[in-house]
């Protein structure tokens, strides 16, 4: 399977994509599954699951990107929303309590609330070692080195905020079309990550949109 485990919908304040658009675009480019991981909200996933209902060749992985007291953690395979602004350790416990897994996204991107040096000893299930937004920087390289050193499964994701960015970076794994199977495959560590950088115009567009919202 080819999956994109980190995409944002309109339920994140920095994206305008609807879950319906995400499902349509993802299927069009040949993805097998996508995790709609909105900031501190599971609403995008819930809506996306409804849009993908009955599809035998595509799956939405329930997810959210949680703002902890020390940085962001992506929860994959959860059933209910998890509170923000609590410790990373408690966040991870709550994710696992729902049968999900805790993934550290862009850990060494400080301005994005990455966990940075704190992640070196944090008990996590996977690390995002290829994020298409930072392909030219050293953050992906540092994340990969850390994952290899600690033997932590690796994830590749687009972190898409626009339709054209979906699938820029992906994770390849062996699984069937079920959330449980995908989770178990990630935990096995038998993943392959690859992709390209998010087009610069899309990144600049996002930055501009954020500035406009602040104004």
N, C-alpha and C. Protein backbone atom coordinates (compact mmCIF):
# COMPACT_ATOMS: atom_id res chain seq x y z
N UNK A 1 0.83 -1.19 0.00
CA UNK A 1 0.00 0.00 0.00
C UNK A 1 0.87 1.25 0.00
N UNK A 2 0.36 2.29 -0.61
CA UNK A 2 1.00 3.60 -0.58
C UNK A 2 0.06 4.54 0.18
N UNK A 3 0.54 5.09 1.30
CA UNK A 3 -0.31 5.95 2.12
C UNK A 3 0.36 7.29 2.38
N UNK A 4 -0.48 8.29 2.60
CA UNK A 4 0.00 9.60 3.03
C UNK A 4 -0.57 9.81 4.44
N UNK A 5 0.24 9.65 5.48
CA UNK A 5 -0.27 9.66 6.85
C UNK A 5 -0.30 11.01 7.56
N UNK A 6 -0.32 12.11 6.80
CA UNK A 6 -0.33 13.42 7.45
C UNK A 6 -0.83 14.46 6.45
N UNK A 7 -2.16 14.70 6.46
CA UNK A 7 -2.79 15.66 5.57
C UNK A 7 -3.76 16.51 6.40
N UNK A 8 -3.88 17.79 6.06
CA UNK A 8 -4.76 18.69 6.79
C UNK A 8 -5.98 19.10 5.98
N UNK A 9 -7.12 19.16 6.65
CA UNK A 9 -8.36 19.59 6.00
C UNK A 9 -8.78 20.96 6.53
N UNK A 10 -9.97 21.38 6.18
CA UNK A 10 -10.48 22.68 6.61
C UNK A 10 -10.66 22.78 8.12
N UNK A 11 -10.58 21.65 8.81
CA UNK A 11 -10.70 21.68 10.26
C UNK A 11 -9.39 22.07 10.94
N UNK A 12 -8.36 22.30 10.14
CA UNK A 12 -7.13 22.94 10.61
C UNK A 12 -7.22 24.39 10.14
N UNK A 13 -6.75 25.32 10.96
CA UNK A 13 -6.91 26.74 10.58
C UNK A 13 -5.97 27.18 9.46
N UNK A 14 -5.10 26.27 9.00
CA UNK A 14 -4.18 26.63 7.93
C UNK A 14 -4.43 25.85 6.64
N UNK A 15 -5.64 25.30 6.50
CA UNK A 15 -5.99 24.58 5.28
C UNK A 15 -7.46 24.84 4.93
N UNK A 16 -7.76 24.77 3.65
CA UNK A 16 -9.14 24.98 3.21
C UNK A 16 -9.71 23.74 2.52
N UNK A 17 -8.94 22.67 2.43
CA UNK A 17 -9.41 21.47 1.75
C UNK A 17 -10.54 20.81 2.53
N UNK A 18 -11.57 20.36 1.82
CA UNK A 18 -12.63 19.59 2.46
C UNK A 18 -12.22 18.11 2.44
N UNK A 19 -12.70 17.33 3.40
CA UNK A 19 -12.41 15.89 3.38
C UNK A 19 -12.84 15.23 2.07
N UNK A 20 -13.96 15.69 1.50
CA UNK A 20 -14.41 15.14 0.23
C UNK A 20 -13.39 15.38 -0.87
N UNK A 21 -12.81 16.58 -0.90
CA UNK A 21 -11.79 16.91 -1.90
C UNK A 21 -10.53 16.07 -1.68
N UNK A 22 -10.19 15.85 -0.42
CA UNK A 22 -9.00 15.05 -0.09
C UNK A 22 -9.17 13.62 -0.58
N UNK A 23 -10.33 13.05 -0.34
CA UNK A 23 -10.61 11.68 -0.79
C UNK A 23 -10.53 11.59 -2.31
N UNK A 24 -11.16 12.53 -2.99
CA UNK A 24 -11.18 12.52 -4.45
C UNK A 24 -9.78 12.67 -5.03
N UNK A 25 -9.01 13.61 -4.51
CA UNK A 25 -7.66 13.85 -5.01
C UNK A 25 -6.75 12.66 -4.72
N UNK A 26 -6.85 12.11 -3.53
CA UNK A 26 -5.99 10.98 -3.13
C UNK A 26 -6.23 9.76 -4.02
N UNK A 27 -7.48 9.49 -4.31
CA UNK A 27 -7.79 8.35 -5.18
C UNK A 27 -7.31 8.61 -6.61
N UNK A 28 -7.43 9.85 -7.04
CA UNK A 28 -7.03 10.20 -8.40
C UNK A 28 -5.55 9.96 -8.63
N UNK A 29 -4.72 10.26 -7.61
CA UNK A 29 -3.27 10.10 -7.79
C UNK A 29 -2.79 8.71 -7.38
N UNK A 30 -3.72 7.83 -7.00
CA UNK A 30 -3.36 6.44 -6.75
C UNK A 30 -2.99 6.06 -5.33
N UNK A 31 -3.30 6.90 -4.36
CA UNK A 31 -3.02 6.54 -2.97
C UNK A 31 -4.04 5.50 -2.49
N UNK A 32 -3.60 4.64 -1.58
CA UNK A 32 -4.47 3.62 -1.02
C UNK A 32 -5.14 4.06 0.28
N UNK A 33 -4.47 4.95 1.00
CA UNK A 33 -5.02 5.44 2.27
C UNK A 33 -4.40 6.79 2.62
N UNK A 34 -5.16 7.56 3.38
CA UNK A 34 -4.70 8.88 3.83
C UNK A 34 -5.15 9.08 5.27
N UNK A 35 -4.29 9.70 6.07
CA UNK A 35 -4.68 10.09 7.43
C UNK A 35 -4.94 11.59 7.43
N UNK A 36 -6.18 11.97 7.71
CA UNK A 36 -6.50 13.39 7.85
C UNK A 36 -6.20 13.76 9.30
N UNK A 37 -5.06 14.43 9.48
CA UNK A 37 -4.54 14.72 10.83
C UNK A 37 -4.61 16.22 11.09
N UNK A 38 -5.79 16.69 11.43
CA UNK A 38 -5.97 18.12 11.67
C UNK A 38 -5.45 18.53 13.05
N UNK A 39 -5.14 19.81 13.16
CA UNK A 39 -4.63 20.33 14.43
C UNK A 39 -5.70 20.28 15.51
N UNK A 40 -5.46 19.42 16.50
CA UNK A 40 -6.31 19.33 17.69
C UNK A 40 -7.78 19.07 17.37
N UNK A 41 -8.03 18.35 16.28
CA UNK A 41 -9.40 18.01 15.90
C UNK A 41 -9.43 16.71 15.12
N UNK A 42 -10.44 15.89 15.42
CA UNK A 42 -10.64 14.64 14.68
C UNK A 42 -11.80 14.77 13.69
N UNK A 43 -12.38 15.97 13.60
CA UNK A 43 -13.56 16.18 12.76
C UNK A 43 -13.28 15.87 11.28
N UNK A 44 -12.10 16.24 10.80
CA UNK A 44 -11.77 15.98 9.40
C UNK A 44 -11.74 14.49 9.10
N UNK A 45 -11.20 13.71 10.03
CA UNK A 45 -11.16 12.27 9.86
C UNK A 45 -12.56 11.66 9.86
N UNK A 46 -13.38 12.11 10.79
CA UNK A 46 -14.75 11.59 10.89
C UNK A 46 -15.51 11.85 9.59
N UNK A 47 -15.36 13.07 9.07
CA UNK A 47 -16.04 13.42 7.81
C UNK A 47 -15.45 12.65 6.65
N UNK A 48 -14.12 12.48 6.66
CA UNK A 48 -13.45 11.75 5.59
C UNK A 48 -13.85 10.28 5.55
N UNK A 49 -14.01 9.67 6.72
CA UNK A 49 -14.43 8.27 6.80
C UNK A 49 -15.81 8.10 6.18
N UNK A 50 -16.69 9.06 6.41
CA UNK A 50 -18.03 9.00 5.82
C UNK A 50 -17.95 9.11 4.29
N UNK A 51 -17.05 9.97 3.81
CA UNK A 51 -16.90 10.15 2.36
C UNK A 51 -16.36 8.89 1.69
N UNK A 52 -15.50 8.15 2.42
CA UNK A 52 -14.87 6.96 1.85
C UNK A 52 -15.65 5.68 2.14
N UNK A 53 -16.78 5.80 2.81
CA UNK A 53 -17.57 4.63 3.17
C UNK A 53 -17.99 3.84 1.94
N UNK A 54 -17.78 2.55 1.98
CA UNK A 54 -18.16 1.68 0.88
C UNK A 54 -17.09 1.51 -0.18
N UNK A 55 -16.01 2.29 -0.11
CA UNK A 55 -14.92 2.16 -1.07
C UNK A 55 -14.04 0.97 -0.70
N UNK A 56 -13.81 0.09 -1.62
CA UNK A 56 -13.00 -1.10 -1.34
C UNK A 56 -11.52 -0.89 -1.64
N UNK A 57 -11.21 0.21 -2.34
CA UNK A 57 -9.83 0.44 -2.75
C UNK A 57 -9.23 1.69 -2.11
N UNK A 58 -9.88 2.21 -1.07
CA UNK A 58 -9.36 3.41 -0.43
C UNK A 58 -9.83 3.47 1.01
N UNK A 59 -8.96 4.05 1.87
CA UNK A 59 -9.25 4.07 3.30
C UNK A 59 -8.80 5.39 3.93
N UNK A 60 -9.61 5.92 4.82
CA UNK A 60 -9.21 7.07 5.63
C UNK A 60 -8.79 6.56 7.01
N UNK A 61 -7.60 6.92 7.43
CA UNK A 61 -7.09 6.54 8.75
C UNK A 61 -7.47 7.64 9.73
N UNK A 62 -8.23 7.34 10.77
CA UNK A 62 -8.60 8.39 11.73
C UNK A 62 -7.36 8.91 12.44
N UNK A 63 -7.24 10.23 12.51
CA UNK A 63 -6.01 10.82 13.05
C UNK A 63 -6.24 12.25 13.50
N UNK A 64 -5.25 12.80 14.17
CA UNK A 64 -5.21 14.23 14.50
C UNK A 64 -3.78 14.59 14.89
N UNK A 65 -3.44 15.85 14.71
CA UNK A 65 -2.12 16.34 15.11
C UNK A 65 -2.31 17.14 16.40
N UNK A 66 -1.77 16.62 17.48
CA UNK A 66 -2.03 17.18 18.81
C UNK A 66 -0.90 18.11 19.24
N UNK A 67 -1.28 19.27 19.72
CA UNK A 67 -0.30 20.22 20.26
C UNK A 67 -0.09 19.91 21.73
N UNK A 68 1.05 19.29 22.05
CA UNK A 68 1.37 18.99 23.45
C UNK A 68 2.09 20.19 24.06
N UNK A 69 2.49 20.07 25.30
CA UNK A 69 3.21 21.16 25.96
C UNK A 69 4.61 21.36 25.40
N UNK A 70 5.11 20.38 24.65
CA UNK A 70 6.47 20.49 24.13
C UNK A 70 6.57 20.31 22.62
N UNK A 71 5.45 20.24 21.92
CA UNK A 71 5.51 20.07 20.47
C UNK A 71 4.36 19.23 19.96
N UNK A 72 4.38 18.92 18.66
CA UNK A 72 3.28 18.21 18.02
C UNK A 72 3.49 16.70 18.00
N UNK A 73 2.38 15.96 18.13
CA UNK A 73 2.38 14.51 17.99
C UNK A 73 1.18 14.13 17.12
N UNK A 74 1.42 13.33 16.09
CA UNK A 74 0.33 12.84 15.25
C UNK A 74 -0.16 11.52 15.82
N UNK A 75 -1.46 11.45 16.07
CA UNK A 75 -2.10 10.22 16.57
C UNK A 75 -2.77 9.52 15.40
N UNK A 76 -2.35 8.29 15.11
CA UNK A 76 -2.95 7.50 14.04
C UNK A 76 -3.77 6.36 14.63
N UNK A 77 -4.95 6.13 14.09
CA UNK A 77 -5.76 5.00 14.51
C UNK A 77 -6.56 5.21 15.77
N UNK A 78 -6.82 6.46 16.13
CA UNK A 78 -7.59 6.75 17.34
C UNK A 78 -9.09 6.78 17.02
N UNK A 79 -9.90 6.76 18.08
CA UNK A 79 -11.35 6.76 17.91
C UNK A 79 -12.00 8.05 18.39
N UNK A 80 -11.35 8.71 19.34
CA UNK A 80 -11.91 9.91 19.93
C UNK A 80 -10.86 11.01 20.01
N UNK A 81 -11.32 12.24 20.07
CA UNK A 81 -10.43 13.39 20.15
C UNK A 81 -9.64 13.37 21.45
N UNK A 82 -8.38 13.77 21.37
CA UNK A 82 -7.49 13.81 22.53
C UNK A 82 -7.16 15.26 22.85
N UNK A 83 -7.19 15.60 24.12
CA UNK A 83 -6.97 16.99 24.54
C UNK A 83 -5.58 17.47 24.18
N UNK A 84 -5.46 18.77 23.90
CA UNK A 84 -4.17 19.38 23.62
C UNK A 84 -3.60 19.98 24.90
N UNK A 85 -2.37 20.49 24.79
CA UNK A 85 -1.69 21.18 25.89
C UNK A 85 -1.51 20.33 27.13
N UNK A 86 -1.23 19.04 26.93
CA UNK A 86 -0.81 18.18 28.03
C UNK A 86 0.58 17.66 27.67
N UNK A 87 1.23 16.96 28.56
CA UNK A 87 2.60 16.52 28.33
C UNK A 87 2.66 15.51 27.18
N UNK A 88 3.79 15.43 26.49
CA UNK A 88 3.93 14.42 25.43
C UNK A 88 3.72 13.01 25.96
N UNK A 89 4.22 12.73 27.17
CA UNK A 89 4.08 11.39 27.73
C UNK A 89 2.62 11.02 27.95
N UNK A 90 1.85 11.94 28.52
CA UNK A 90 0.44 11.66 28.75
C UNK A 90 -0.33 11.56 27.44
N UNK A 91 0.06 12.40 26.48
CA UNK A 91 -0.56 12.34 25.15
C UNK A 91 -0.37 10.97 24.53
N UNK A 92 0.85 10.47 24.59
CA UNK A 92 1.17 9.16 24.02
C UNK A 92 0.38 8.06 24.74
N UNK A 93 0.27 8.14 26.05
CA UNK A 93 -0.51 7.15 26.81
C UNK A 93 -1.96 7.14 26.36
N UNK A 94 -2.52 8.32 26.13
CA UNK A 94 -3.93 8.41 25.72
C UNK A 94 -4.12 7.87 24.31
N UNK A 95 -3.14 8.11 23.44
CA UNK A 95 -3.21 7.58 22.07
C UNK A 95 -3.20 6.06 22.11
N UNK A 96 -2.26 5.50 22.84
CA UNK A 96 -2.15 4.04 22.94
C UNK A 96 -3.36 3.44 23.66
N UNK A 97 -3.95 4.20 24.56
CA UNK A 97 -5.13 3.73 25.27
C UNK A 97 -6.31 3.53 24.34
N UNK A 98 -6.28 4.19 23.19
CA UNK A 98 -7.34 4.03 22.18
C UNK A 98 -6.93 3.05 21.08
N UNK A 99 -5.78 2.40 21.26
CA UNK A 99 -5.31 1.46 20.26
C UNK A 99 -4.59 2.10 19.10
N UNK A 100 -4.25 3.38 19.26
CA UNK A 100 -3.55 4.09 18.19
C UNK A 100 -2.05 4.10 18.40
N UNK A 101 -1.34 4.77 17.50
CA UNK A 101 0.12 4.91 17.62
C UNK A 101 0.49 6.38 17.56
N UNK A 102 1.59 6.71 18.24
CA UNK A 102 2.07 8.09 18.33
C UNK A 102 3.24 8.30 17.38
N UNK A 103 3.06 9.25 16.46
CA UNK A 103 4.09 9.56 15.46
C UNK A 103 4.57 10.99 15.69
N UNK A 104 5.88 11.17 15.69
CA UNK A 104 6.44 12.52 15.83
C UNK A 104 6.65 13.13 14.44
N UNK A 105 5.91 14.20 14.12
CA UNK A 105 6.09 14.84 12.81
C UNK A 105 7.15 15.94 12.88
N UNK A 106 7.86 16.14 11.79
CA UNK A 106 8.88 17.19 11.69
C UNK A 106 9.53 17.51 13.05
N UNK A 107 10.18 16.53 13.71
CA UNK A 107 10.66 16.73 15.08
C UNK A 107 11.72 17.81 15.26
N UNK A 108 12.48 18.10 14.22
CA UNK A 108 13.58 19.05 14.38
C UNK A 108 13.33 20.38 13.68
N UNK A 109 12.06 20.70 13.43
CA UNK A 109 11.69 22.00 12.88
C UNK A 109 11.19 22.85 14.04
N UNK A 110 12.07 23.67 14.57
CA UNK A 110 11.77 24.38 15.81
C UNK A 110 10.60 25.36 15.67
N UNK A 111 10.51 26.09 14.55
CA UNK A 111 9.45 27.08 14.43
C UNK A 111 8.08 26.43 14.24
N UNK A 112 8.05 25.11 13.96
CA UNK A 112 6.79 24.39 13.83
C UNK A 112 6.45 23.63 15.11
N UNK A 113 7.03 24.04 16.23
CA UNK A 113 6.83 23.37 17.51
C UNK A 113 7.28 21.91 17.45
N UNK A 114 8.40 21.68 16.78
CA UNK A 114 8.96 20.34 16.76
C UNK A 114 9.46 19.99 18.15
N UNK A 115 9.53 18.70 18.44
CA UNK A 115 9.98 18.28 19.77
C UNK A 115 11.49 18.41 19.94
N UNK A 116 12.20 18.60 18.83
CA UNK A 116 13.65 18.87 18.86
C UNK A 116 14.41 17.88 19.72
N UNK A 117 15.26 18.34 20.58
CA UNK A 117 16.12 17.45 21.35
C UNK A 117 15.34 16.57 22.32
N UNK A 118 14.15 16.99 22.70
CA UNK A 118 13.33 16.24 23.65
C UNK A 118 12.97 14.86 23.11
N UNK A 119 12.86 14.74 21.77
CA UNK A 119 12.42 13.50 21.15
C UNK A 119 13.49 12.41 21.23
N UNK A 120 14.69 12.77 21.55
CA UNK A 120 15.79 11.80 21.58
C UNK A 120 15.57 10.67 22.58
N UNK A 121 14.79 10.94 23.62
CA UNK A 121 14.54 9.92 24.63
C UNK A 121 13.05 9.60 24.80
N UNK A 122 12.19 10.24 24.04
CA UNK A 122 10.75 10.05 24.18
C UNK A 122 10.34 8.69 23.60
N UNK A 123 9.46 7.98 24.31
CA UNK A 123 8.98 6.67 23.89
C UNK A 123 7.86 6.84 22.86
N UNK A 124 8.21 6.73 21.59
CA UNK A 124 7.24 6.93 20.51
C UNK A 124 7.17 5.70 19.62
N UNK A 125 6.13 5.65 18.78
CA UNK A 125 5.92 4.48 17.92
C UNK A 125 6.51 4.64 16.53
N UNK A 126 6.65 5.87 16.06
CA UNK A 126 7.21 6.13 14.74
C UNK A 126 7.65 7.59 14.65
N UNK A 127 8.54 7.86 13.72
CA UNK A 127 9.03 9.22 13.49
C UNK A 127 8.88 9.56 12.01
N UNK A 128 8.43 10.76 11.75
CA UNK A 128 8.31 11.26 10.38
C UNK A 128 9.71 11.67 9.92
N UNK A 129 10.31 10.84 9.08
CA UNK A 129 11.68 11.11 8.64
C UNK A 129 11.75 11.73 7.25
N UNK A 130 10.60 11.85 6.60
CA UNK A 130 10.55 12.50 5.29
C UNK A 130 9.26 13.30 5.21
N UNK A 131 9.38 14.59 5.43
CA UNK A 131 8.26 15.52 5.34
C UNK A 131 8.51 16.39 4.12
N UNK A 132 7.56 16.40 3.20
CA UNK A 132 7.81 17.06 1.91
C UNK A 132 8.03 18.56 2.02
N UNK A 133 7.63 19.16 3.12
CA UNK A 133 7.79 20.61 3.28
C UNK A 133 9.23 20.98 3.65
N UNK A 134 10.01 20.02 4.10
CA UNK A 134 11.36 20.32 4.59
C UNK A 134 12.41 19.45 3.92
N UNK A 135 12.16 19.07 2.67
CA UNK A 135 13.04 18.14 1.97
C UNK A 135 14.43 18.72 1.73
N UNK A 136 14.55 20.04 1.65
CA UNK A 136 15.84 20.65 1.37
C UNK A 136 16.60 21.01 2.65
N UNK A 137 15.97 20.85 3.80
CA UNK A 137 16.63 21.20 5.06
C UNK A 137 17.29 20.00 5.72
N UNK A 138 17.82 20.21 6.90
CA UNK A 138 18.51 19.14 7.61
C UNK A 138 17.61 18.43 8.62
N UNK A 139 16.38 18.93 8.79
CA UNK A 139 15.48 18.35 9.80
C UNK A 139 15.12 16.90 9.46
N UNK A 140 14.83 16.61 8.17
CA UNK A 140 14.53 15.23 7.78
C UNK A 140 15.74 14.33 8.01
N UNK A 141 16.91 14.85 7.71
CA UNK A 141 18.14 14.07 7.88
C UNK A 141 18.36 13.72 9.34
N UNK A 142 18.15 14.69 10.22
CA UNK A 142 18.30 14.45 11.66
C UNK A 142 17.28 13.45 12.16
N UNK A 143 16.05 13.56 11.66
CA UNK A 143 15.00 12.63 12.07
C UNK A 143 15.32 11.21 11.64
N UNK A 144 15.84 11.06 10.44
CA UNK A 144 16.20 9.73 9.93
C UNK A 144 17.33 9.12 10.76
N UNK A 145 18.33 9.91 11.06
CA UNK A 145 19.45 9.42 11.86
C UNK A 145 18.99 8.98 13.25
N UNK A 146 18.07 9.74 13.83
CA UNK A 146 17.56 9.39 15.14
C UNK A 146 16.75 8.09 15.08
N UNK A 147 15.91 7.96 14.06
CA UNK A 147 15.10 6.75 13.92
C UNK A 147 15.99 5.52 13.74
N UNK A 148 17.03 5.67 12.95
CA UNK A 148 17.94 4.54 12.73
C UNK A 148 18.70 4.19 14.01
N UNK A 149 19.12 5.19 14.74
CA UNK A 149 19.88 4.97 15.97
C UNK A 149 19.04 4.26 17.02
N UNK A 150 17.76 4.66 17.14
CA UNK A 150 16.89 4.09 18.17
C UNK A 150 16.04 2.92 17.68
N UNK A 151 16.11 2.62 16.39
CA UNK A 151 15.33 1.52 15.85
C UNK A 151 13.83 1.80 15.83
N UNK A 152 13.46 3.05 15.55
CA UNK A 152 12.06 3.46 15.52
C UNK A 152 11.55 3.45 14.08
N UNK A 153 10.34 2.91 13.83
CA UNK A 153 9.77 2.90 12.48
C UNK A 153 9.71 4.29 11.86
N UNK A 154 9.90 4.34 10.54
CA UNK A 154 9.94 5.61 9.83
C UNK A 154 8.67 5.85 8.99
N UNK A 155 8.27 7.12 8.95
CA UNK A 155 7.08 7.53 8.20
C UNK A 155 7.47 8.63 7.21
N UNK A 156 6.89 8.57 6.02
CA UNK A 156 7.04 9.65 5.05
C UNK A 156 5.67 10.25 4.81
N UNK A 157 5.55 11.57 4.80
CA UNK A 157 4.24 12.21 4.66
C UNK A 157 4.36 13.58 3.99
N UNK A 158 3.25 14.01 3.38
CA UNK A 158 3.26 15.29 2.68
C UNK A 158 3.05 16.48 3.61
N UNK A 159 2.31 16.27 4.72
CA UNK A 159 1.92 17.39 5.58
C UNK A 159 1.18 18.41 4.73
N UNK A 160 0.34 17.90 3.82
CA UNK A 160 -0.30 18.75 2.81
C UNK A 160 -1.36 19.67 3.40
N UNK A 161 -1.35 20.91 2.90
CA UNK A 161 -2.37 21.90 3.23
C UNK A 161 -3.13 22.34 1.98
N UNK A 162 -2.68 21.84 0.81
CA UNK A 162 -3.31 22.13 -0.47
C UNK A 162 -3.43 20.83 -1.26
N UNK A 163 -4.44 20.74 -2.12
CA UNK A 163 -4.70 19.51 -2.86
C UNK A 163 -3.50 19.04 -3.67
N UNK A 164 -2.82 19.98 -4.31
CA UNK A 164 -1.69 19.61 -5.17
C UNK A 164 -0.50 19.05 -4.38
N UNK A 165 -0.50 19.25 -3.08
CA UNK A 165 0.62 18.77 -2.27
C UNK A 165 0.39 17.36 -1.73
N UNK A 166 -0.85 16.88 -1.77
CA UNK A 166 -1.14 15.53 -1.26
C UNK A 166 -0.30 14.51 -2.02
N UNK A 167 0.31 13.60 -1.28
CA UNK A 167 1.12 12.55 -1.89
C UNK A 167 2.52 12.98 -2.27
N UNK A 168 2.93 14.18 -1.90
CA UNK A 168 4.28 14.64 -2.24
C UNK A 168 5.33 13.71 -1.63
N UNK A 169 5.11 13.32 -0.39
CA UNK A 169 5.92 12.30 0.27
C UNK A 169 4.95 11.26 0.85
N UNK A 170 5.33 10.01 0.77
CA UNK A 170 4.44 8.93 1.18
C UNK A 170 5.18 7.83 1.93
N UNK A 171 4.39 6.91 2.46
CA UNK A 171 4.92 5.72 3.11
C UNK A 171 4.42 4.49 2.37
N UNK A 172 5.33 3.58 2.05
CA UNK A 172 4.98 2.32 1.41
C UNK A 172 5.08 1.21 2.44
N UNK A 173 4.06 0.36 2.50
CA UNK A 173 4.06 -0.74 3.47
C UNK A 173 3.16 -1.87 2.98
N UNK A 174 3.26 -3.02 3.64
CA UNK A 174 2.42 -4.16 3.31
C UNK A 174 1.28 -4.25 4.30
N UNK A 175 0.05 -4.13 3.81
CA UNK A 175 -1.13 -4.19 4.68
C UNK A 175 -2.36 -4.38 3.81
N UNK A 176 -3.48 -4.74 4.47
CA UNK A 176 -4.74 -4.78 3.75
C UNK A 176 -5.51 -3.50 4.05
N UNK A 177 -6.70 -3.40 3.53
CA UNK A 177 -7.46 -2.16 3.69
C UNK A 177 -8.20 -2.11 5.03
N UNK A 178 -7.41 -2.06 6.09
CA UNK A 178 -7.97 -1.89 7.43
C UNK A 178 -6.99 -1.05 8.25
N UNK A 179 -7.53 -0.23 9.14
CA UNK A 179 -6.68 0.62 9.97
C UNK A 179 -5.76 -0.23 10.83
N UNK A 180 -6.30 -1.31 11.40
CA UNK A 180 -5.50 -2.19 12.27
C UNK A 180 -4.30 -2.77 11.53
N UNK A 181 -4.52 -3.21 10.30
CA UNK A 181 -3.44 -3.80 9.50
C UNK A 181 -2.36 -2.77 9.20
N UNK A 182 -2.76 -1.55 8.88
CA UNK A 182 -1.80 -0.49 8.59
C UNK A 182 -0.99 -0.14 9.84
N UNK A 183 -1.67 -0.03 10.98
CA UNK A 183 -0.99 0.27 12.24
C UNK A 183 0.05 -0.79 12.56
N UNK A 184 -0.33 -2.05 12.42
CA UNK A 184 0.58 -3.14 12.72
C UNK A 184 1.78 -3.15 11.77
N UNK A 185 1.53 -2.80 10.51
CA UNK A 185 2.61 -2.75 9.53
C UNK A 185 3.61 -1.65 9.88
N UNK A 186 3.11 -0.50 10.31
CA UNK A 186 4.01 0.59 10.72
C UNK A 186 4.84 0.16 11.93
N UNK A 187 4.18 -0.46 12.90
CA UNK A 187 4.88 -0.89 14.12
C UNK A 187 5.95 -1.92 13.82
N UNK A 188 5.77 -2.69 12.76
CA UNK A 188 6.78 -3.70 12.41
C UNK A 188 8.07 -3.06 11.91
N UNK A 189 7.98 -1.79 11.51
CA UNK A 189 9.16 -1.09 11.02
C UNK A 189 9.49 -1.37 9.57
N UNK A 190 8.66 -2.16 8.90
CA UNK A 190 8.94 -2.51 7.51
C UNK A 190 8.26 -1.51 6.58
N UNK A 191 8.75 -0.29 6.64
CA UNK A 191 8.21 0.78 5.81
C UNK A 191 9.28 1.33 4.87
N UNK A 192 8.81 1.90 3.78
CA UNK A 192 9.70 2.57 2.84
C UNK A 192 9.14 3.96 2.60
N UNK A 193 9.98 4.98 2.73
CA UNK A 193 9.50 6.35 2.56
C UNK A 193 10.17 6.99 1.35
N UNK A 194 9.39 7.75 0.59
CA UNK A 194 9.96 8.42 -0.58
C UNK A 194 9.05 9.57 -1.01
N UNK A 195 9.56 10.42 -1.89
CA UNK A 195 8.75 11.52 -2.38
C UNK A 195 9.56 12.73 -2.81
N UNK A 196 8.85 13.82 -3.04
CA UNK A 196 9.45 15.06 -3.51
C UNK A 196 9.03 16.23 -2.63
N UNK A 197 9.72 17.34 -2.80
CA UNK A 197 9.42 18.53 -2.01
C UNK A 197 8.11 19.17 -2.44
N UNK A 198 7.36 19.68 -1.47
CA UNK A 198 6.16 20.45 -1.77
C UNK A 198 6.55 21.64 -2.65
N UNK A 199 5.84 21.87 -3.75
CA UNK A 199 6.19 23.01 -4.62
C UNK A 199 6.25 24.32 -3.82
N UNK A 200 7.30 25.09 -4.06
CA UNK A 200 7.51 26.34 -3.31
C UNK A 200 6.31 27.29 -3.40
N UNK A 201 5.66 27.44 -4.55
CA UNK A 201 4.51 28.34 -4.62
C UNK A 201 3.40 27.97 -3.63
N UNK A 202 3.22 26.68 -3.38
CA UNK A 202 2.19 26.26 -2.43
C UNK A 202 2.57 26.64 -1.01
N UNK A 203 3.86 26.51 -0.67
CA UNK A 203 4.32 26.89 0.66
C UNK A 203 4.17 28.39 0.87
N UNK A 204 4.54 29.17 -0.16
CA UNK A 204 4.41 30.62 -0.07
C UNK A 204 2.94 31.03 0.04
N UNK A 205 2.08 30.30 -0.65
CA UNK A 205 0.64 30.58 -0.59
C UNK A 205 0.11 30.35 0.82
N UNK A 206 0.58 29.29 1.46
CA UNK A 206 0.15 29.00 2.83
C UNK A 206 0.61 30.09 3.79
N UNK A 207 1.87 30.51 3.64
CA UNK A 207 2.41 31.56 4.51
C UNK A 207 1.60 32.84 4.35
N UNK A 208 1.27 33.19 3.11
CA UNK A 208 0.48 34.38 2.83
C UNK A 208 -0.90 34.28 3.45
N UNK A 209 -1.53 33.11 3.33
CA UNK A 209 -2.87 32.92 3.90
C UNK A 209 -2.85 33.10 5.42
N UNK A 210 -1.80 32.59 6.05
CA UNK A 210 -1.69 32.72 7.50
C UNK A 210 -1.56 34.19 7.92
N UNK A 211 -0.75 34.94 7.15
CA UNK A 211 -0.57 36.36 7.47
C UNK A 211 -1.87 37.14 7.31
N UNK A 212 -2.62 36.78 6.25
CA UNK A 212 -3.90 37.44 6.01
C UNK A 212 -4.88 37.17 7.15
N UNK A 213 -4.91 35.93 7.63
CA UNK A 213 -5.81 35.56 8.72
C UNK A 213 -5.45 36.32 9.99
N UNK A 214 -4.14 36.48 10.26
CA UNK A 214 -3.69 37.20 11.45
C UNK A 214 -4.09 38.66 11.40
N UNK A 215 -3.98 39.23 10.19
CA UNK A 215 -4.36 40.64 10.02
C UNK A 215 -5.87 40.82 10.25
